[in-house]
Every structure is written in C-alpha cells, then in structure tokens.
Amino acid sequence: MDSPPDDDCVYSKTEKDVESCLPATECRLLALPPELIANIFSYLSPIDLNHVAQTGRTLREHATTDYLWQALVQDNVPGSRVASPYPCASFRELFWAHHPRWFLPKYKIWFSDAGLPGRLVVVRYDQRRGCIEGYQVVANKRSSTFHTWQADDEVAIPAFDPVVKLHLDQPILRLPANPKSNAYEFCTVGSVRAIHLRRGNNGFFSPYDGAASSSSEHQEGNHLTNEIPMELSPMDEMRHTFIYARRLSPTEVAEARGSSFPYRDIWPPFAIPASQRVFGFGLHLSTPQTPLYRPSSWHDLCDRAFRIRKWLELRITQRDRILPAAHPSTANPGPLDPAGPNHAIPDPSTTPAATTHNVLALDINLPQPLGIHIGEDIATYATLSPALYTPTPSKPYRGIWVGDYSGHGCEFLLITQPHDDDDDDDDDNNDSLQAVKLTGDANVPRGEYSFVADDLGAGGLVEVAQEEPFVGVRVVRCQGHVASAGFVDDTFTDTRLFLISHDRLAQYWIALGHISYYHRVDVDALLVPT
C-alpha cells in the first residue's frame, strides 16, 4: 500500500508518523487538528493561556481565540449569558480588565459585618456597561394584616408575603473595566487625619500584556494593597474604595475558635462554614489597616472576602489657616506645613490674587492632602459556598431565606442541613436544620444562629397540626435564639417549627406568644440587570 501524501501526515495515528512529518524545531502540538488544540486549551487557566501565547505566532493565534476567553468570562457570570465584550474590543481584553475581581460576580452572595444588623448584597456583572456592580438586598412586607390561630386565640399571626428586591438607588459596589488606579492613602497632618492621592497606577503588571510570569512580588503587593476608588454617591464629599482582603492561615483561625462574640472579629463567624476567613472590623468604627488585613501576594489573596471603606471628605476652607499649597519653586514660601518640608504655605501678602483661593490645591506630584478625613467606616464582606444554600433532594430546605422578625422587620437567613449528602438514610425528614442570620438586629446580630431544629424526623416530631392555617403540617421541636439589646444575656428558648413546604416555614415562639413566617429567596432572579 502506498504511503499517505505529506499533507495528510498530520492526521497519522502513530506518534512516529507525526514526528516524521514535522521539522525538528516544530512544536508537536501543532500537528493536531485545530479543534483538538482548542479543546486542549479550554482546560488551561488564563495565566497558562498567556504563557502559551508567548511561545510563538501560531500558538498565540490559538490561545487568543475569543471564544476561549468568552468561556472564561462566562464561568464567572452566573445567571445570564455574556454576549458582548463591551467596552473592550475582545473577551480576552475584558477578562484582564476585571482581573482579579471576577470572584465578585462568581460567588454573587455577600454579607457584611457592618454593625449588629450587617448587610446582604448581590454582586452581578452588567454587560450593558461592562461593570461589576453590587446592590443591597432588601425586603418589604406587602401587608400588615393579622389573623388568629385556631389553636390559641391569643396568638395573632401576621401575614407575610414579602417583596425581595435590590436597592438600585444606592449601589454598594461598582467597578468598571480597568477602574481608575489613583488609589487613596491616608496620613496624619499635624493632629488631623488627611488623604493623599497615590500617584501612578495600581502597580498591576497586567498578564494581558504577556508579562504575568515576570511580575514581581513587589508589583503584586502594590496591586493588591492599593485601594480602588469607586464613584457611588452623588455627594462629591462621600468617598468609597474597594479593598482586597488577606486570607487567614489555619493557625490564625484555630486561635480564634472558642472565643466569645465578636470572635476576635473573624469574618465570616464560625456559625457559617467557610473555606477561607479574614480579619473583619466588626463593631469597631475605625481600625488601623495593618499588614495583617491586606494580601502581600497572590497566595495571600482571599477570593471569598473583600472590604469597602467609605468616609466623608471635608475640604479645607479656612483661608487664615491653610491656603493653596505651594510648589517647591514658590518664590516666597511661608512657614512649613506640618505635612512635610515640601508643603510650604504661601505668604498671603506675596501670593498673586489669581492663585489665592480657599480650596486646597492638588498636585499629584506632591503628597498634598485632599482634605480632612472624617466619619470613616469599613465593612468586610464574605460569601457563601454554593453547596450551603443549594437545595438537593435529600436536603430540600437549604437556601437563602427571608424571615419576619416583628418590630425588627425582615431579616435574611442562611438555612443549612449540615449532614452529609451521602448519608445512607434517604428520608429527607430525618435530618437537622440550622438557620444563621445573614442580617440581624440589635438583639441577635448577623452571623448568629436564629433557630436550630436537631431532628426533623420522628425523633423531633411534636404533632401534625389540625388547626388552620396549618392543617396537615408537620410540627417539630426547635430552639430559638433570643437576647437583650446589644446581644446581652443570649439564650435559646423552646419553639415549634412548622414545616409548611420546602419554600415556606413558620415558627411559634412559645414564650413570646408570636408566630413568624420564613420564605425562600430566589437569588438568581436578582442577577439579571433590567
């Protein structure tokens, strides 16, 4: 049989045949059909694709194919299909424009340690504007009516059919593609806290430019420790920045276990299972940002948490105390400003009228303060493993829920069923249930258990209700968490949990003479911008 022609030898089945038709310096990978090369490359990480793109022109064409990068973007955007790379020219460019912040829409659900109530936020990607945005999730009752319980005429049952939505008027987070890189930094000017603009970019040597492997630890650290400004408020005086968080080592986490509230400000708290934890700020209005809080390398970066800092910037207006900052070449410098030797304050008698105004000038070539830094607030956000809130046939109550907490209003909860899915018993009633507050109130704060039912099966069964509005509903023993204001003297009290359906529960607080409803939240319905 005649041997195959040379132009078909790339499809030979044996390695020897492939090698025989390739030049000695040719990459063996190029002998494969293009569709196989594309399939192989689909398993590579973004960094590896960039490395491949640097090896030669032909492989670069394969490694920069837009549909590979569209898939990488899509992996981080649940709930909607990303069809356009706007505002970038390609999906590859779009990917690096938001790198390494794709974890924000990927995990979508974030809850904060701000005060006792906290905050629940959904982060999504809006391809209409090419930005990552986050909004607070809020719930409002449709009705304030009550009806009586046939089992006890003294117990009034409030109606509960909440409207859950995003508070679109006030974003919590907004990061455009390639956000502005002049991050803020803070210093003390005399006895006053002031703000400086850090000059230059965020220090990120973009892998998009084909230099991922050559970026130094110092460059990584600069990028990850810088704060990224966000334009969120119509008030010019309000400032917001996005901050990366450092993941804690197993030793740091172990040292905090067993501590009392607020658990050394570890976030998320230990009632919520998490693969990564960080230091939070908890109930502290302002805490110094030490190296313990920020990552110094990619290894330290926590992709399950982040921080948002906000503050009020009060501009200097007292002409008799601080006038426009002078450039070092000012002919008649006045006394030195406490900020440093280059901050000479001009003498009003010699300063030209055109330059005499009562707003502090900004020259990013010099460390000039922008204004007085007051009212700082830092909130730490953490996410949830999807396995915790994704229901399964054997764990049907898992999910994000909203509950009626009477005078405290609506609060959000994570309901988990912590037993392993591969338990031998397939009875979905023979399980425990734990409800942890994602948002809280002045009595029982965020991150604490709201109620716990140890056995949903026969061991915990109290009765099958015979009275309206719970006819035919299984009722199990439960423990509800109560406390005095400020989370003082907290304890668990006997309650009864009504298993109405996999999407609706009710709880009878025996000591309080009150019934609360809980309703499952459809988080995916909040992911698509409208």
Protein backbone atom coordinates (compact mmCIF):
# COMPACT_ATOMS: atom_id res chain seq x y z
CA MET A 1 0.00 0.00 0.00
CA ASP A 2 1.29 3.41 -0.91
CA SER A 3 2.21 5.75 1.91
CA PRO A 4 -0.14 8.70 2.51
CA PRO A 5 0.72 12.06 0.96
CA ASP A 6 2.76 14.50 3.03
CA ASP A 7 -0.09 16.93 3.63
CA ASP A 8 -2.11 14.18 5.37
CA CYS A 9 0.62 13.04 7.68
CA VAL A 10 -0.54 15.32 10.47
CA TYR A 11 -3.54 13.03 10.89
CA SER A 12 -1.46 9.88 11.24
CA LYS A 13 -2.41 7.77 14.21
CA THR A 14 1.07 6.88 15.39
CA GLU A 15 3.48 9.17 17.18
CA LYS A 16 6.25 8.06 14.85
CA ASP A 17 4.32 9.15 11.78
CA VAL A 18 3.60 12.55 13.32
CA GLU A 19 7.23 13.10 14.20
CA SER A 20 8.39 12.07 10.74
CA CYS A 21 6.47 14.88 9.01
CA LEU A 22 7.48 17.69 11.36
CA PRO A 23 10.59 19.82 11.16
CA ALA A 24 12.99 19.22 14.02
CA THR A 25 12.15 22.59 15.55
CA GLU A 26 8.36 22.38 15.05
CA CYS A 27 6.05 22.15 18.07
CA ARG A 28 4.42 18.70 18.17
CA LEU A 29 1.20 20.27 19.41
CA LEU A 30 0.75 21.98 16.05
CA ALA A 31 0.44 18.60 14.38
CA LEU A 32 -3.02 18.20 15.93
CA PRO A 33 -6.19 19.36 14.20
CA PRO A 34 -7.27 22.88 15.24
CA GLU A 35 -10.38 21.59 17.01
CA LEU A 36 -8.26 19.33 19.23
CA ILE A 37 -5.89 22.19 20.06
CA ALA A 38 -8.89 24.32 21.00
CA ASN A 39 -10.23 21.53 23.21
CA ILE A 40 -6.89 21.18 24.99
CA PHE A 41 -6.58 24.91 25.51
CA SER A 42 -10.08 25.05 27.02
CA TYR A 43 -8.64 23.30 30.09
CA LEU A 44 -5.93 25.89 30.64
CA SER A 45 -6.10 28.71 33.14
CA PRO A 46 -5.92 32.34 31.95
CA ILE A 47 -2.30 32.61 33.09
CA ASP A 48 -1.36 29.42 31.24
CA LEU A 49 -3.08 30.65 28.08
CA ASN A 50 -0.96 33.79 28.23
CA HIS A 51 2.17 31.71 28.66
CA VAL A 52 1.26 29.67 25.60
CA ALA A 53 0.58 32.85 23.62
CA GLN A 54 4.17 33.94 24.22
CA THR A 55 5.71 30.82 22.67
CA GLY A 56 5.02 31.55 19.01
CA ARG A 57 2.77 33.22 16.49
CA THR A 58 0.71 30.14 15.60
CA LEU A 59 0.06 29.11 19.19
CA ARG A 60 -0.72 32.72 20.02
CA GLU A 61 -3.49 32.67 17.43
CA HIS A 62 -4.97 29.59 19.10
CA ALA A 63 -4.51 30.89 22.67
CA THR A 64 -6.11 34.25 21.98
CA THR A 65 -9.19 32.88 20.22
CA ASP A 66 -12.08 34.89 21.57
CA TYR A 67 -14.42 32.01 22.30
CA LEU A 68 -11.89 30.57 24.78
CA TRP A 69 -11.87 33.85 26.67
CA GLN A 70 -15.64 34.25 26.40
CA ALA A 71 -15.94 30.93 28.23
CA LEU A 72 -13.55 32.15 30.94
CA VAL A 73 -15.64 35.27 31.42
CA GLN A 74 -18.88 33.27 31.39
CA ASP A 75 -17.59 30.95 34.13
CA ASN A 76 -17.64 33.94 36.46
CA VAL A 77 -21.05 35.32 35.49
CA PRO A 78 -23.89 33.09 36.70
CA GLY A 79 -27.48 33.72 35.77
CA SER A 80 -27.02 35.40 32.36
CA ARG A 81 -25.12 34.85 29.12
CA VAL A 82 -22.35 37.33 28.35
CA ALA A 83 -22.70 38.01 24.63
CA SER A 84 -20.56 41.14 24.24
CA PRO A 85 -17.09 42.20 25.45
CA TYR A 86 -18.18 45.85 25.66
CA PRO A 87 -16.49 48.20 26.46
CA CYS A 88 -13.46 46.18 25.40
CA ALA A 89 -12.50 45.02 21.93
CA SER A 90 -12.30 41.33 22.83
CA PHE A 91 -13.26 38.93 25.60
CA ARG A 92 -9.59 38.44 26.38
CA GLU A 93 -9.21 42.16 26.98
CA LEU A 94 -12.42 42.16 29.03
CA PHE A 95 -11.18 39.31 31.21
CA TRP A 96 -7.98 41.11 32.15
CA ALA A 97 -9.81 44.41 32.58
CA HIS A 98 -11.63 42.94 35.58
CA HIS A 99 -8.91 40.58 36.78
CA PRO A 100 -8.65 39.56 39.63
CA ARG A 101 -12.12 40.78 40.65
CA TRP A 102 -14.19 38.17 38.77
CA PHE A 103 -14.75 36.34 42.06
CA LEU A 104 -17.24 39.06 42.99
CA PRO A 105 -19.98 38.11 40.50
CA LYS A 106 -18.93 34.46 40.53
CA TYR A 107 -19.98 33.94 44.17
CA LYS A 108 -22.78 36.56 43.86
CA ILE A 109 -23.99 36.49 47.51
CA TRP A 110 -22.07 38.61 50.03
CA PHE A 111 -22.87 39.56 53.62
CA SER A 112 -21.11 42.10 55.80
CA ASP A 113 -20.07 42.65 59.40
CA ALA A 114 -21.25 46.28 59.46
CA GLY A 115 -22.64 46.90 62.94
CA LEU A 116 -25.06 44.43 64.51
CA PRO A 117 -27.52 44.34 61.57
CA GLY A 118 -24.97 43.75 58.81
CA ARG A 119 -25.97 43.87 55.16
CA LEU A 120 -26.76 41.35 52.39
CA VAL A 121 -25.51 42.23 48.91
CA VAL A 122 -25.86 40.61 45.48
CA VAL A 123 -22.98 41.29 43.08
CA ARG A 124 -23.56 40.83 39.37
CA TYR A 125 -21.98 41.71 36.03
CA ASP A 126 -23.82 44.24 33.88
CA GLN A 127 -22.67 43.69 30.29
CA ARG A 128 -24.58 46.76 29.12
CA ARG A 129 -21.96 48.90 30.87
CA GLY A 130 -19.18 46.35 31.25
CA CYS A 131 -19.03 46.82 35.02
CA ILE A 132 -19.24 44.70 38.16
CA GLU A 133 -21.88 46.09 40.47
CA GLY A 134 -23.31 45.20 43.87
CA TYR A 135 -26.59 46.23 45.48
CA GLN A 136 -28.11 45.64 48.88
CA VAL A 137 -30.92 43.09 49.04
CA VAL A 138 -33.99 44.47 50.82
CA ALA A 139 -37.39 43.01 51.66
CA ASN A 140 -40.69 44.73 52.33
CA LYS A 141 -43.95 43.29 53.58
CA ARG A 142 -46.87 43.54 51.21
CA SER A 143 -49.44 43.59 54.02
CA SER A 144 -49.63 44.40 57.73
CA THR A 145 -52.79 42.36 58.41
CA PHE A 146 -53.17 39.68 61.08
CA HIS A 147 -55.33 36.64 61.54
CA THR A 148 -55.97 34.43 64.56
CA TRP A 149 -54.70 30.94 65.22
CA GLN A 150 -57.38 28.41 65.97
CA ALA A 151 -55.08 26.56 68.38
CA ASP A 152 -54.69 29.67 70.56
CA ASP A 153 -56.94 32.72 70.15
CA GLU A 154 -54.39 34.92 71.94
CA VAL A 155 -51.75 34.35 69.26
CA ALA A 156 -52.02 36.65 66.26
CA ILE A 157 -50.37 35.51 63.02
CA PRO A 158 -49.10 38.36 60.80
CA ALA A 159 -49.42 37.99 57.05
CA PHE A 160 -46.06 37.55 55.34
CA ASP A 161 -45.67 37.71 51.57
CA PRO A 162 -42.50 39.78 51.19
CA VAL A 163 -41.23 41.62 48.14
CA VAL A 164 -37.49 40.95 47.82
CA LYS A 165 -35.53 43.25 45.54
CA LEU A 166 -32.29 45.14 45.08
CA HIS A 167 -31.92 48.69 46.36
CA LEU A 168 -30.87 50.05 42.97
CA ASP A 169 -30.83 53.70 44.05
CA GLN A 170 -27.68 53.27 46.11
CA PRO A 171 -25.02 50.83 44.83
CA ILE A 172 -22.73 49.25 47.38
CA LEU A 173 -20.06 48.38 44.84
CA ARG A 174 -19.33 49.43 41.27
CA LEU A 175 -16.15 48.57 39.41
CA PRO A 176 -15.86 49.46 35.70
CA ALA A 177 -13.43 47.77 33.36
CA ASN A 178 -9.92 49.00 34.16
CA PRO A 179 -11.01 51.13 37.13
CA LYS A 180 -9.18 54.33 37.94
CA SER A 181 -5.94 53.48 39.61
CA ASN A 182 -5.15 56.59 41.65
CA ALA A 183 -5.83 54.93 44.97
CA TYR A 184 -6.25 56.90 48.15
CA GLU A 185 -3.84 56.68 51.02
CA PHE A 186 -4.09 58.28 54.43
CA CYS A 187 -1.69 60.18 56.63
CA THR A 188 -1.64 62.47 59.62
CA VAL A 189 -1.07 66.18 59.04
CA GLY A 190 -0.27 67.52 62.46
CA SER A 191 -3.20 66.28 64.56
CA VAL A 192 -5.56 65.95 61.57
CA ARG A 193 -6.25 62.80 59.54
CA ALA A 194 -5.79 63.69 55.86
CA ILE A 195 -5.99 62.00 52.47
CA HIS A 196 -3.31 61.79 49.83
CA LEU A 197 -3.69 60.68 46.23
CA ARG A 198 -1.22 57.94 45.44
CA ARG A 199 0.42 58.76 42.13
CA GLY A 200 0.55 56.31 39.25
CA ASN A 201 -1.42 53.11 38.70
CA ASN A 202 -2.33 50.25 40.96
CA GLY A 203 1.03 48.63 40.40
CA PHE A 204 -0.51 45.74 38.48
CA PHE A 205 1.70 44.41 35.71
CA SER A 206 -1.15 43.08 33.59
CA PRO A 207 -0.87 39.49 32.35
CA TYR A 208 -2.80 40.75 29.35
CA ASP A 209 0.43 42.35 28.21
CA GLY A 210 2.10 38.96 28.27
CA ALA A 211 4.12 39.60 31.41
CA ALA A 212 2.34 37.57 34.04
CA SER A 213 5.30 35.35 34.70
CA SER A 214 7.67 38.26 35.11
CA SER A 215 5.63 40.32 37.55
CA SER A 216 7.50 40.58 40.79
CA GLU A 217 6.26 40.01 44.29
CA HIS A 218 6.63 43.71 44.88
CA GLN A 219 4.41 44.54 41.92
CA GLU A 220 1.80 42.03 43.07
CA GLY A 221 1.85 43.51 46.54
CA ASN A 222 1.40 47.04 45.21
CA HIS A 223 -1.61 45.99 43.19
CA LEU A 224 -3.28 44.02 45.96
CA THR A 225 -2.67 46.51 48.76
CA ASN A 226 -3.87 49.55 46.82
CA GLU A 227 -7.42 50.76 47.34
CA ILE A 228 -9.57 51.16 44.24
CA PRO A 229 -11.79 54.28 44.27
CA MET A 230 -15.47 53.81 43.39
CA GLU A 231 -17.89 56.51 42.32
CA LEU A 232 -21.05 55.55 44.19
CA SER A 233 -22.53 58.66 45.76
CA PRO A 234 -23.98 61.79 44.11
CA MET A 235 -22.39 63.69 47.00
CA ASP A 236 -18.95 64.90 45.99
CA GLU A 237 -17.81 64.70 49.61
CA MET A 238 -18.52 60.96 50.02
CA ARG A 239 -15.66 58.63 49.11
CA HIS A 240 -15.70 54.86 48.65
CA THR A 241 -12.86 52.45 47.96
CA PHE A 242 -12.66 48.71 47.27
CA ILE A 243 -10.03 46.78 49.25
CA TYR A 244 -8.72 43.23 48.82
CA ALA A 245 -8.52 41.02 51.93
CA ARG A 246 -5.85 38.63 53.18
CA ARG A 247 -6.90 35.08 53.92
CA LEU A 248 -6.08 33.85 57.40
CA SER A 249 -3.77 30.94 57.99
CA PRO A 250 -5.15 27.78 59.66
CA THR A 251 -3.22 28.74 62.79
CA GLU A 252 -4.86 32.17 62.97
CA VAL A 253 -8.30 30.63 62.53
CA ALA A 254 -7.64 27.96 65.15
CA GLU A 255 -6.55 30.56 67.69
CA ALA A 256 -9.87 32.37 67.35
CA ARG A 257 -12.08 29.30 67.69
CA GLY A 258 -13.79 29.09 71.04
CA SER A 259 -13.62 32.84 71.64
CA SER A 260 -16.78 34.74 72.54
CA PHE A 261 -18.65 37.26 70.40
CA PRO A 262 -17.38 39.00 68.27
CA TYR A 263 -14.89 36.11 67.90
CA ARG A 264 -11.82 38.33 67.55
CA ASP A 265 -13.52 39.95 64.55
CA ILE A 266 -13.04 36.87 62.38
CA TRP A 267 -15.33 37.03 59.32
CA PRO A 268 -17.36 35.07 58.48
CA PRO A 269 -18.04 33.87 62.03
CA PHE A 270 -17.79 30.20 62.90
CA ALA A 271 -21.54 29.54 62.73
CA ILE A 272 -21.12 29.70 58.94
CA PRO A 273 -18.93 27.02 57.34
CA ALA A 274 -16.22 28.60 55.20
CA SER A 275 -13.02 27.51 53.47
CA GLN A 276 -11.44 30.95 53.94
CA ARG A 277 -11.76 33.55 56.68
CA VAL A 278 -10.34 37.04 57.14
CA PHE A 279 -10.00 39.66 59.83
CA GLY A 280 -13.05 41.91 59.89
CA PHE A 281 -13.70 45.22 61.59
CA GLY A 282 -16.92 44.18 63.28
CA LEU A 283 -18.21 46.73 65.74
CA HIS A 284 -15.10 48.94 65.52
CA LEU A 285 -15.86 52.20 63.75
CA SER A 286 -12.27 52.56 62.65
CA THR A 287 -9.37 50.16 62.92
CA PRO A 288 -5.85 50.77 61.63
CA GLN A 289 -5.14 48.87 58.41
CA THR A 290 -2.04 46.85 59.32
CA PRO A 291 -0.34 44.27 57.07
CA LEU A 292 -2.50 41.67 58.84
CA TYR A 293 -5.50 42.86 56.86
CA ARG A 294 -4.16 43.10 53.29
CA PRO A 295 -2.62 40.49 50.99
CA SER A 296 1.00 40.88 50.04
CA SER A 297 0.92 38.30 47.22
CA TRP A 298 -1.49 36.26 45.12
CA HIS A 299 -1.08 33.40 47.57
CA ASP A 300 -2.45 35.59 50.38
CA LEU A 301 -5.37 36.98 48.36
CA CYS A 302 -8.75 35.84 49.66
CA ASP A 303 -11.29 35.42 46.87
CA ARG A 304 -14.07 34.82 49.38
CA ALA A 305 -13.95 38.22 51.05
CA PHE A 306 -13.30 41.92 50.42
CA ARG A 307 -13.73 45.28 52.16
CA ILE A 308 -15.33 48.60 51.36
CA ARG A 309 -14.16 51.78 53.01
CA LYS A 310 -16.25 54.93 52.99
CA TRP A 311 -15.68 58.31 54.54
CA LEU A 312 -16.60 61.95 54.29
CA GLU A 313 -14.01 64.25 52.77
CA LEU A 314 -14.24 67.72 54.28
CA ARG A 315 -12.38 70.23 52.13
CA ILE A 316 -10.26 72.89 53.79
CA THR A 317 -11.89 76.33 53.56
CA GLN A 318 -10.21 78.35 56.33
CA ARG A 319 -8.17 80.95 54.45
CA ASP A 320 -6.42 82.16 57.55
CA ARG A 321 -5.11 78.70 58.43
CA ILE A 322 -4.36 76.84 55.21
CA LEU A 323 -4.04 78.44 51.79
CA PRO A 324 -3.27 76.87 48.40
CA ALA A 325 -0.31 74.56 48.63
CA ALA A 326 2.82 75.96 47.05
CA HIS A 327 5.02 74.25 44.56
CA PRO A 328 8.64 73.96 45.80
CA SER A 329 9.56 76.68 43.30
CA THR A 330 7.34 79.27 45.06
CA ALA A 331 9.34 82.47 45.29
CA ASN A 332 8.29 83.44 48.81
CA PRO A 333 7.46 80.36 50.80
CA GLY A 334 5.82 80.83 54.13
CA PRO A 335 6.17 78.68 57.22
CA LEU A 336 6.41 74.94 56.64
CA ASP A 337 3.23 72.90 56.78
CA PRO A 338 3.32 70.04 59.31
CA ALA A 339 2.87 67.56 56.44
CA GLY A 340 6.50 67.87 55.41
CA PRO A 341 9.30 70.05 54.05
CA ASN A 342 7.70 70.39 50.60
CA HIS A 343 4.45 71.77 51.93
CA ALA A 344 5.30 75.41 52.31
CA ILE A 345 2.25 77.64 52.83
CA PRO A 346 2.47 80.84 50.75
CA ASP A 347 2.53 84.20 52.39
CA PRO A 348 -0.85 85.87 51.57
CA SER A 349 0.84 89.24 51.13
CA THR A 350 3.05 87.93 48.30
CA THR A 351 0.74 85.37 46.67
CA PRO A 352 -0.79 86.58 43.38
CA ALA A 353 -4.52 87.19 43.64
CA ALA A 354 -5.23 84.78 40.81
CA THR A 355 -3.86 81.90 42.86
CA THR A 356 -5.35 82.91 46.20
CA HIS A 357 -8.47 80.87 46.85
CA ASN A 358 -9.75 78.97 49.83
CA VAL A 359 -9.66 75.41 48.48
CA LEU A 360 -6.55 73.31 48.96
CA ALA A 361 -4.81 72.78 45.62
CA LEU A 362 -3.96 69.27 44.48
CA ASP A 363 -0.73 68.37 42.76
CA ILE A 364 -0.34 64.62 42.44
CA ASN A 365 3.40 65.07 42.06
CA LEU A 366 3.47 66.08 45.69
CA PRO A 367 1.86 64.39 48.71
CA GLN A 368 -0.73 67.14 49.17
CA PRO A 369 -3.74 66.33 51.33
CA LEU A 370 -7.10 66.49 49.61
CA GLY A 371 -8.98 67.41 52.74
CA ILE A 372 -9.98 66.36 56.23
CA HIS A 373 -10.82 62.68 56.57
CA ILE A 374 -13.79 62.14 58.91
CA GLY A 375 -16.51 59.57 59.54
CA GLU A 376 -14.60 56.52 58.33
CA ASP A 377 -16.47 53.22 58.09
CA ILE A 378 -15.01 49.92 56.92
CA ALA A 379 -17.20 46.89 56.20
CA THR A 380 -15.89 43.40 55.49
CA TYR A 381 -17.90 41.18 53.15
CA ALA A 382 -17.75 37.39 52.90
CA THR A 383 -19.51 34.94 50.64
CA LEU A 384 -21.10 31.51 50.99
CA SER A 385 -20.18 28.22 49.40
CA PRO A 386 -22.95 27.41 46.89
CA ALA A 387 -23.25 23.96 48.46
CA LEU A 388 -24.57 25.58 51.64
CA TYR A 389 -27.60 27.19 50.00
CA THR A 390 -28.29 24.93 47.03
CA PRO A 391 -31.15 22.53 47.85
CA THR A 392 -30.90 18.85 46.96
CA PRO A 393 -33.50 16.05 47.07
CA SER A 394 -32.15 14.93 50.44
CA LYS A 395 -31.54 18.48 51.77
CA PRO A 396 -34.59 20.39 50.46
CA TYR A 397 -34.54 23.26 52.98
CA ARG A 398 -31.10 24.58 52.14
CA GLY A 399 -31.17 28.10 50.81
CA ILE A 400 -31.31 31.83 51.42
CA TRP A 401 -34.48 32.77 53.28
CA VAL A 402 -36.17 35.94 54.50
CA GLY A 403 -37.98 35.98 57.84
CA ASP A 404 -40.45 38.17 59.68
CA TYR A 405 -38.86 39.46 62.88
CA SER A 406 -41.78 41.59 64.05
CA GLY A 407 -40.58 45.02 65.15
CA HIS A 408 -37.13 44.42 63.66
CA GLY A 409 -38.61 43.97 60.19
CA CYS A 410 -37.43 41.49 57.58
CA GLU A 411 -34.11 39.71 58.04
CA PHE A 412 -32.21 37.31 55.79
CA LEU A 413 -31.03 33.87 56.83
CA LEU A 414 -28.92 31.00 55.59
CA ILE A 415 -30.74 27.75 56.29
CA THR A 416 -28.49 24.71 56.14
CA GLN A 417 -28.90 21.00 56.68
CA PRO A 418 -25.39 20.11 57.75
CA HIS A 419 -25.45 16.32 57.47
CA ASP A 420 -23.53 14.85 54.54
CA ASP A 421 -25.42 14.20 51.33
CA ASP A 422 -24.13 10.66 51.15
CA ASP A 423 -25.88 9.56 54.35
CA ASP A 424 -27.41 6.10 53.99
CA ASP A 425 -30.84 7.28 55.10
CA ASP A 426 -32.66 8.92 52.19
CA ASP A 427 -35.56 10.16 54.35
CA ASP A 428 -35.48 13.97 53.98
CA ASN A 429 -37.26 14.27 57.34
CA ASN A 430 -34.51 12.53 59.30
CA ASP A 431 -32.14 15.48 59.43
CA SER A 432 -31.28 18.62 61.35
CA LEU A 433 -31.82 22.22 60.31
CA GLN A 434 -29.84 25.32 61.26
CA ALA A 435 -30.78 28.91 60.47
CA VAL A 436 -27.99 31.51 60.67
CA LYS A 437 -28.67 35.22 60.31
CA LEU A 438 -27.03 36.90 57.33
CA THR A 439 -28.55 40.15 58.54
CA GLY A 440 -29.51 40.72 62.15
CA ASP A 441 -30.84 43.23 64.63
CA ALA A 442 -29.96 44.94 67.90
CA ASN A 443 -30.79 41.79 69.88
CA VAL A 444 -29.42 38.87 67.85
CA PRO A 445 -26.87 40.15 65.29
CA ARG A 446 -25.69 38.93 61.90
CA GLY A 447 -23.69 35.73 61.90
CA GLU A 448 -25.55 34.20 64.87
CA TYR A 449 -27.93 31.27 64.94
CA SER A 450 -31.59 32.29 64.75
CA PHE A 451 -33.05 28.84 65.38
CA VAL A 452 -31.96 25.20 65.33
CA ALA A 453 -34.06 22.05 64.89
CA ASP A 454 -31.98 19.00 65.83
CA ASP A 455 -34.30 16.41 64.28
CA LEU A 456 -36.83 16.94 61.51
CA GLY A 457 -37.82 13.28 61.62
CA ALA A 458 -39.75 11.10 64.02
CA GLY A 459 -37.41 11.91 66.92
CA GLY A 460 -38.31 15.61 66.80
CA LEU A 461 -41.94 15.33 65.73
CA VAL A 462 -44.43 17.01 68.07
CA GLU A 463 -47.62 16.61 66.04
CA VAL A 464 -49.30 17.02 62.71
CA ALA A 465 -51.26 20.27 63.02
CA GLN A 466 -55.07 20.07 62.84
CA GLU A 467 -55.89 23.78 63.14
CA GLU A 468 -55.99 26.46 60.50
CA PRO A 469 -53.91 27.79 58.88
CA PHE A 470 -51.54 24.84 59.40
CA VAL A 471 -53.79 21.84 58.80
CA GLY A 472 -51.72 18.78 57.87
CA VAL A 473 -48.36 20.47 58.54
CA ARG A 474 -45.66 18.57 60.45
CA VAL A 475 -44.53 20.36 63.64
CA VAL A 476 -41.08 19.63 65.12
CA ARG A 477 -39.21 20.73 68.23
CA CYS A 478 -36.94 23.71 67.76
CA GLN A 479 -34.74 26.11 69.74
CA GLY A 480 -34.94 29.85 69.03
CA HIS A 481 -32.16 32.32 69.83
CA VAL A 482 -33.14 35.37 71.92
CA ALA A 483 -31.14 38.10 73.66
CA SER A 484 -31.39 41.52 75.24
CA ALA A 485 -30.36 44.63 73.31
CA GLY A 486 -26.69 44.61 72.37
CA PHE A 487 -26.65 40.78 72.23
CA VAL A 488 -26.56 40.57 76.01
CA ASP A 489 -27.65 37.50 78.01
CA ASP A 490 -28.39 35.49 74.89
CA THR A 491 -30.05 32.11 75.32
CA PHE A 492 -32.07 29.53 73.39
CA THR A 493 -35.75 29.07 74.14
CA ASP A 494 -38.22 26.33 73.16
CA THR A 495 -40.12 26.94 69.93
CA ARG A 496 -42.08 24.91 67.40
CA LEU A 497 -41.15 24.77 63.72
CA PHE A 498 -43.94 24.27 61.17
CA LEU A 499 -42.63 22.55 58.01
CA ILE A 500 -45.21 24.03 55.62
CA SER A 501 -43.22 23.34 52.43
CA HIS A 502 -39.66 23.36 51.14
CA ASP A 503 -40.14 27.06 50.36
CA ARG A 504 -42.07 28.20 53.43
CA LEU A 505 -41.69 27.69 57.18
CA ALA A 506 -43.32 29.10 60.30
CA GLN A 507 -42.08 29.21 63.88
CA TYR A 508 -44.09 29.52 67.07
CA TRP A 509 -42.14 31.38 69.73
CA ILE A 510 -43.85 29.90 72.79
CA ALA A 511 -42.54 32.30 75.43
CA LEU A 512 -43.26 35.33 73.22
CA GLY A 513 -46.69 34.19 72.07
CA HIS A 514 -45.74 35.01 68.47
CA ILE A 515 -45.58 33.18 65.12
CA SER A 516 -43.06 34.16 62.43
CA TYR A 517 -43.02 33.12 58.80
CA TYR A 518 -39.95 32.37 56.66
CA HIS A 519 -39.91 32.46 52.87
CA ARG A 520 -37.25 31.19 50.41
CA VAL A 521 -35.49 33.87 48.34
CA ASP A 522 -34.87 33.33 44.63
CA VAL A 523 -31.40 34.86 44.39
CA ASP A 524 -30.97 34.03 40.70
CA ALA A 525 -33.91 36.29 39.88
CA LEU A 526 -31.81 39.23 41.13
CA LEU A 527 -28.80 38.53 38.91
CA VAL A 528 -30.03 39.83 35.57
CA PRO A 529 -29.99 43.64 35.20
CA THR A 530 -33.29 45.00 33.90
